[in-house]
Amino acid sequence: MSAFKALFLLWASVEAAGDCPAQCRCRGLQTMGLLVDCRGQGLAALPALPAHTRHLLLANNSLRSVPPGAFDLLTGLRRLDLAGNPWHCDCSLAYLRLWLEDRDPEALAQVRCATPEAASLHPLGQLTGSQMGGCGWRLGTSWDSAGIWRDVALVAVATVALALLAGVLRASAEALGL
């Protein structure tokens, strides 16, 4: 490795470590990312995390939930340690479950539910929707409440689409001399 490349890596890791949350310890990795170590700090909420976080250690805190989208901007995140937190496994933890299923299924087994009673002491990945409080999509209004106006709008859109298609077909036929 050239001296210039080594200096650049050192500068990049020091620069990125400047964004380290106060409760955590950060160090640069050779992979151009950060290891953010927040283990055992009594955290009740996620701190603001540096964008270059590659390994995030959150074990043995007081975390009960993760806000939706919390890890979406951490595109380089490869390792997540969540063990030893008193997770409240209801619909508010659905984001974390889906995120872990997609990106780190092994870490999903570390997330053990402390509450509610139906989920207590189970791994998050093994819970059913009813154990998590009946999570699912709830429509703001029933399908019937939209009434006839929704149907009128659908018919209008379909009519316009068909008229445009007929116009294109007619213009094509004329251009081809049919």
C-alpha atoms as a PDB file:
ATOM      1  CA  MET A   1       0.000   0.000   0.000  1.00  0.00           C
ATOM      2  CA  SER A   2       1.393   3.366  -0.962  1.00  0.00           C
ATOM      3  CA  ALA A   3       2.072   6.003   1.667  1.00  0.00           C
ATOM      4  CA  PHE A   4      -0.488   8.309   0.041  1.00  0.00           C
ATOM      5  CA  LYS A   5      -3.212   5.661   0.224  1.00  0.00           C
ATOM      6  CA  ALA A   6      -2.384   4.894   3.867  1.00  0.00           C
ATOM      7  CA  LEU A   7      -2.526   8.601   4.761  1.00  0.00           C
ATOM      8  CA  PHE A   8      -5.829   8.977   2.948  1.00  0.00           C
ATOM      9  CA  LEU A   9      -7.334   6.019   4.850  1.00  0.00           C
ATOM     10  CA  LEU A  10      -6.088   7.451   8.141  1.00  0.00           C
ATOM     11  CA  TRP A  11      -7.501  10.896   7.339  1.00  0.00           C
ATOM     12  CA  ALA A  12     -10.871   9.456   6.253  1.00  0.00           C
ATOM     13  CA  SER A  13     -11.255   7.368   9.421  1.00  0.00           C
ATOM     14  CA  VAL A  14     -10.327  10.299  11.689  1.00  0.00           C
ATOM     15  CA  GLU A  15     -12.711  12.600   9.811  1.00  0.00           C
ATOM     16  CA  ALA A  16     -15.581  10.112  10.042  1.00  0.00           C
ATOM     17  CA  ALA A  17     -14.928   9.449  13.745  1.00  0.00           C
ATOM     18  CA  GLY A  18     -15.616  13.128  14.435  1.00  0.00           C
ATOM     19  CA  ASP A  19     -19.351  12.404  14.086  1.00  0.00           C
ATOM     20  CA  CYS A  20     -19.274   9.799  16.872  1.00  0.00           C
ATOM     21  CA  PRO A  21     -22.191  10.007  19.356  1.00  0.00           C
ATOM     22  CA  ALA A  22     -21.079  11.249  22.778  1.00  0.00           C
ATOM     23  CA  GLN A  23     -22.191   8.041  24.531  1.00  0.00           C
ATOM     24  CA  CYS A  24     -20.285   5.785  22.130  1.00  0.00           C
ATOM     25  CA  ARG A  25     -16.740   5.008  21.083  1.00  0.00           C
ATOM     26  CA  CYS A  26     -15.861   5.029  17.392  1.00  0.00           C
ATOM     27  CA  ARG A  27     -12.904   3.820  15.429  1.00  0.00           C
ATOM     28  CA  GLY A  28     -12.183   3.661  11.750  1.00  0.00           C
ATOM     29  CA  LEU A  29     -12.154   0.358   9.917  1.00  0.00           C
ATOM     30  CA  GLN A  30      -9.915  -0.596   7.029  1.00  0.00           C
ATOM     31  CA  THR A  31     -13.084  -0.893   4.938  1.00  0.00           C
ATOM     32  CA  MET A  32     -13.599   2.898   4.940  1.00  0.00           C
ATOM     33  CA  GLY A  33     -16.343   2.731   7.530  1.00  0.00           C
ATOM     34  CA  LEU A  34     -16.746   3.140  11.256  1.00  0.00           C
ATOM     35  CA  LEU A  35     -17.202   0.761  14.115  1.00  0.00           C
ATOM     36  CA  VAL A  36     -19.615   2.510  16.502  1.00  0.00           C
ATOM     37  CA  ASP A  37     -19.493   0.860  19.933  1.00  0.00           C
ATOM     38  CA  CYS A  38     -22.391   1.906  22.192  1.00  0.00           C
ATOM     39  CA  ARG A  39     -22.492  -1.278  24.296  1.00  0.00           C
ATOM     40  CA  GLY A  40     -23.561  -0.992  27.927  1.00  0.00           C
ATOM     41  CA  GLN A  41     -24.248   2.747  27.945  1.00  0.00           C
ATOM     42  CA  GLY A  42     -27.823   2.594  29.268  1.00  0.00           C
ATOM     43  CA  LEU A  43     -29.211   3.992  26.030  1.00  0.00           C
ATOM     44  CA  ALA A  44     -33.014   4.204  25.970  1.00  0.00           C
ATOM     45  CA  ALA A  45     -33.056   5.561  22.391  1.00  0.00           C
ATOM     46  CA  LEU A  46     -30.778   5.336  19.386  1.00  0.00           C
ATOM     47  CA  PRO A  47     -28.244   8.162  19.204  1.00  0.00           C
ATOM     48  CA  ALA A  48     -27.645  10.062  15.974  1.00  0.00           C
ATOM     49  CA  LEU A  49     -25.378   7.743  14.029  1.00  0.00           C
ATOM     50  CA  PRO A  50     -22.640   8.697  11.574  1.00  0.00           C
ATOM     51  CA  ALA A  51     -23.520   7.992   7.945  1.00  0.00           C
ATOM     52  CA  HIS A  52     -20.383   5.859   7.509  1.00  0.00           C
ATOM     53  CA  THR A  53     -21.313   3.399  10.270  1.00  0.00           C
ATOM     54  CA  ARG A  54     -20.364  -0.090   9.129  1.00  0.00           C
ATOM     55  CA  HIS A  55     -20.482  -2.003  12.453  1.00  0.00           C
ATOM     56  CA  LEU A  56     -22.939  -0.899  15.152  1.00  0.00           C
ATOM     57  CA  LEU A  57     -22.775  -2.406  18.619  1.00  0.00           C
ATOM     58  CA  LEU A  58     -25.853  -1.635  20.740  1.00  0.00           C
ATOM     59  CA  ALA A  59     -25.819  -4.634  23.094  1.00  0.00           C
ATOM     60  CA  ASN A  60     -26.738  -4.401  26.776  1.00  0.00           C
ATOM     61  CA  ASN A  61     -28.584  -1.095  26.768  1.00  0.00           C
ATOM     62  CA  SER A  62     -32.182  -0.181  27.612  1.00  0.00           C
ATOM     63  CA  LEU A  63     -33.469  -0.074  24.041  1.00  0.00           C
ATOM     64  CA  ARG A  64     -37.136  -1.051  23.697  1.00  0.00           C
ATOM     65  CA  SER A  65     -37.810  -0.005  20.102  1.00  0.00           C
ATOM     66  CA  VAL A  66     -36.236   1.363  16.939  1.00  0.00           C
ATOM     67  CA  PRO A  67     -37.930   4.172  15.008  1.00  0.00           C
ATOM     68  CA  PRO A  68     -38.994   3.277  11.458  1.00  0.00           C
ATOM     69  CA  GLY A  69     -36.272   4.220   8.976  1.00  0.00           C
ATOM     70  CA  ALA A  70     -33.535   4.411  11.638  1.00  0.00           C
ATOM     71  CA  PHE A  71     -31.062   2.366   9.599  1.00  0.00           C
ATOM     72  CA  ASP A  72     -32.163   3.313   6.078  1.00  0.00           C
ATOM     73  CA  LEU A  73     -29.497   5.999   5.599  1.00  0.00           C
ATOM     74  CA  LEU A  74     -26.744   3.723   6.939  1.00  0.00           C
ATOM     75  CA  THR A  75     -26.190   2.073   3.569  1.00  0.00           C
ATOM     76  CA  GLY A  76     -22.813   0.632   4.598  1.00  0.00           C
ATOM     77  CA  LEU A  77     -24.094  -1.007   7.795  1.00  0.00           C
ATOM     78  CA  ARG A  78     -22.961  -4.651   7.742  1.00  0.00           C
ATOM     79  CA  ARG A  79     -22.951  -5.761  11.387  1.00  0.00           C
ATOM     80  CA  LEU A  80     -25.521  -4.966  14.055  1.00  0.00           C
ATOM     81  CA  ASP A  81     -25.359  -6.266  17.649  1.00  0.00           C
ATOM     82  CA  LEU A  82     -28.660  -5.781  19.508  1.00  0.00           C
ATOM     83  CA  ALA A  83     -28.441  -8.471  22.204  1.00  0.00           C
ATOM     84  CA  GLY A  84     -29.300  -7.799  25.826  1.00  0.00           C
ATOM     85  CA  ASN A  85     -31.913  -5.067  25.377  1.00  0.00           C
ATOM     86  CA  PRO A  86     -35.442  -5.231  26.850  1.00  0.00           C
ATOM     87  CA  TRP A  87     -37.253  -5.076  23.490  1.00  0.00           C
ATOM     88  CA  HIS A  88     -40.967  -4.268  23.447  1.00  0.00           C
ATOM     89  CA  CYS A  89     -42.156  -6.496  20.617  1.00  0.00           C
ATOM     90  CA  ASP A  90     -45.263  -4.902  19.195  1.00  0.00           C
ATOM     91  CA  CYS A  91     -46.022  -3.157  15.912  1.00  0.00           C
ATOM     92  CA  SER A  92     -43.439  -0.473  16.662  1.00  0.00           C
ATOM     93  CA  LEU A  93     -40.708  -3.097  16.206  1.00  0.00           C
ATOM     94  CA  ALA A  94     -42.007  -4.320  12.834  1.00  0.00           C
ATOM     95  CA  TYR A  95     -39.514  -2.069  10.997  1.00  0.00           C
ATOM     96  CA  LEU A  96     -36.554  -3.600  12.852  1.00  0.00           C
ATOM     97  CA  ARG A  97     -37.806  -7.109  12.189  1.00  0.00           C
ATOM     98  CA  LEU A  98     -38.183  -6.506   8.448  1.00  0.00           C
ATOM     99  CA  TRP A  99     -34.825  -4.701   8.238  1.00  0.00           C
ATOM    100  CA  LEU A 100     -33.033  -7.567   9.981  1.00  0.00           C
ATOM    101  CA  GLU A 101     -34.805 -10.230   7.897  1.00  0.00           C
ATOM    102  CA  ASP A 102     -33.513  -8.500   4.757  1.00  0.00           C
ATOM    103  CA  ARG A 103     -29.995  -7.582   5.841  1.00  0.00           C
ATOM    104  CA  ASP A 104     -28.846  -9.544   8.910  1.00  0.00           C
ATOM    105  CA  PRO A 105     -30.983 -12.611   9.717  1.00  0.00           C
ATOM    106  CA  GLU A 106     -28.426 -13.862  12.280  1.00  0.00           C
ATOM    107  CA  ALA A 107     -28.883 -10.680  14.332  1.00  0.00           C
ATOM    108  CA  LEU A 108     -32.643 -11.257  14.361  1.00  0.00           C
ATOM    109  CA  ALA A 109     -32.130 -14.175  16.767  1.00  0.00           C
ATOM    110  CA  GLN A 110     -30.431 -11.771  19.231  1.00  0.00           C
ATOM    111  CA  VAL A 111     -33.558  -9.636  19.588  1.00  0.00           C
ATOM    112  CA  ARG A 112     -35.444 -11.252  22.462  1.00  0.00           C
ATOM    113  CA  CYS A 113     -38.724  -9.737  23.573  1.00  0.00           C
ATOM    114  CA  ALA A 114     -39.135  -8.566  27.164  1.00  0.00           C
ATOM    115  CA  THR A 115     -42.706  -7.331  26.657  1.00  0.00           C
ATOM    116  CA  PRO A 116     -45.628  -7.666  25.955  1.00  0.00           C
ATOM    117  CA  GLU A 117     -46.591 -10.797  27.859  1.00  0.00           C
ATOM    118  CA  ALA A 118     -47.592 -12.749  24.721  1.00  0.00           C
ATOM    119  CA  ALA A 119     -44.140 -12.199  23.222  1.00  0.00           C
ATOM    120  CA  SER A 120     -42.061 -12.279  26.390  1.00  0.00           C
ATOM    121  CA  LEU A 121     -38.724 -14.095  26.095  1.00  0.00           C
ATOM    122  CA  HIS A 122     -39.304 -15.120  22.471  1.00  0.00           C
ATOM    123  CA  PRO A 123     -36.961 -14.138  19.640  1.00  0.00           C
ATOM    124  CA  LEU A 124     -38.510 -11.403  17.508  1.00  0.00           C
ATOM    125  CA  GLY A 125     -38.130 -13.467  14.328  1.00  0.00           C
ATOM    126  CA  GLN A 126     -40.337 -16.274  15.692  1.00  0.00           C
ATOM    127  CA  LEU A 127     -43.320 -14.119  16.647  1.00  0.00           C
ATOM    128  CA  THR A 128     -46.572 -14.179  14.761  1.00  0.00           C
ATOM    129  CA  GLY A 129     -48.546 -11.052  13.943  1.00  0.00           C
ATOM    130  CA  SER A 130     -51.030 -11.732  16.748  1.00  0.00           C
ATOM    131  CA  GLN A 131     -48.213 -12.001  19.308  1.00  0.00           C
ATOM    132  CA  MET A 132     -46.931  -8.614  18.148  1.00  0.00           C
ATOM    133  CA  GLY A 133     -50.300  -6.970  18.644  1.00  0.00           C
ATOM    134  CA  GLY A 134     -52.000  -7.713  15.329  1.00  0.00           C
ATOM    135  CA  CYS A 135     -49.676  -5.679  13.104  1.00  0.00           C
ATOM    136  CA  GLY A 136     -50.864  -5.165   9.601  1.00  0.00           C
ATOM    137  CA  TRP A 137     -52.137  -2.602   7.188  1.00  0.00           C
ATOM    138  CA  ARG A 138     -55.192  -0.801   8.418  1.00  0.00           C
ATOM    139  CA  LEU A 139     -57.045   1.248   5.872  1.00  0.00           C
ATOM    140  CA  GLY A 140     -57.919   4.744   7.013  1.00  0.00           C
ATOM    141  CA  THR A 141     -61.389   4.397   5.501  1.00  0.00           C
ATOM    142  CA  SER A 142     -63.333   1.371   4.446  1.00  0.00           C
ATOM    143  CA  TRP A 143     -63.650   0.611   0.753  1.00  0.00           C
ATOM    144  CA  ASP A 144     -67.365   1.382   0.880  1.00  0.00           C
ATOM    145  CA  SER A 145     -66.943   4.903   2.230  1.00  0.00           C
ATOM    146  CA  ALA A 146     -65.339   6.159  -1.007  1.00  0.00           C
ATOM    147  CA  GLY A 147     -68.728   5.569  -2.594  1.00  0.00           C
ATOM    148  CA  ILE A 148     -69.627   6.180  -6.172  1.00  0.00           C
ATOM    149  CA  TRP A 149     -67.037   8.931  -6.743  1.00  0.00           C
ATOM    150  CA  ARG A 150     -64.174   6.444  -6.733  1.00  0.00           C
ATOM    151  CA  ASP A 151     -66.006   4.372  -9.329  1.00  0.00           C
ATOM    152  CA  VAL A 152     -66.747   7.447 -11.473  1.00  0.00           C
ATOM    153  CA  ALA A 153     -63.078   8.451 -11.332  1.00  0.00           C
ATOM    154  CA  LEU A 154     -61.962   4.960 -12.402  1.00  0.00           C
ATOM    155  CA  VAL A 155     -64.392   4.921 -15.333  1.00  0.00           C
ATOM    156  CA  ALA A 156     -63.226   8.400 -16.405  1.00  0.00           C
ATOM    157  CA  VAL A 157     -59.559   7.376 -16.351  1.00  0.00           C
ATOM    158  CA  ALA A 158     -60.297   4.188 -18.265  1.00  0.00           C
ATOM    159  CA  THR A 159     -62.315   6.148 -20.889  1.00  0.00           C
ATOM    160  CA  VAL A 160     -59.499   8.656 -21.416  1.00  0.00           C
ATOM    161  CA  ALA A 161     -56.953   5.829 -21.725  1.00  0.00           C
ATOM    162  CA  LEU A 162     -59.088   4.049 -24.323  1.00  0.00           C
ATOM    163  CA  ALA A 163     -59.638   7.285 -26.288  1.00  0.00           C
ATOM    164  CA  LEU A 164     -55.875   7.911 -26.370  1.00  0.00           C
ATOM    165  CA  LEU A 165     -55.204   4.350 -27.507  1.00  0.00           C
ATOM    166  CA  ALA A 166     -57.821   4.653 -30.274  1.00  0.00           C
ATOM    167  CA  GLY A 167     -56.227   7.912 -31.431  1.00  0.00           C
ATOM    168  CA  VAL A 168     -52.780   6.368 -31.585  1.00  0.00           C
ATOM    169  CA  LEU A 169     -54.075   3.358 -33.513  1.00  0.00           C
ATOM    170  CA  ARG A 170     -55.960   5.604 -35.989  1.00  0.00           C
ATOM    171  CA  ALA A 171     -52.882   7.809 -36.546  1.00  0.00           C
ATOM    172  CA  SER A 172     -50.725   4.703 -37.090  1.00  0.00           C
ATOM    173  CA  ALA A 173     -53.193   3.276 -39.602  1.00  0.00           C
ATOM    174  CA  GLU A 174     -53.301   6.571 -41.542  1.00  0.00           C
ATOM    175  CA  ALA A 175     -49.511   6.809 -41.559  1.00  0.00           C
ATOM    176  CA  LEU A 176     -49.270   3.303 -42.979  1.00  0.00           C
ATOM    177  CA  GLY A 177     -51.963   4.036 -45.564  1.00  0.00           C
ATOM    178  CA  LEU A 178     -54.415   1.433 -44.311  1.00  0.00           C
END
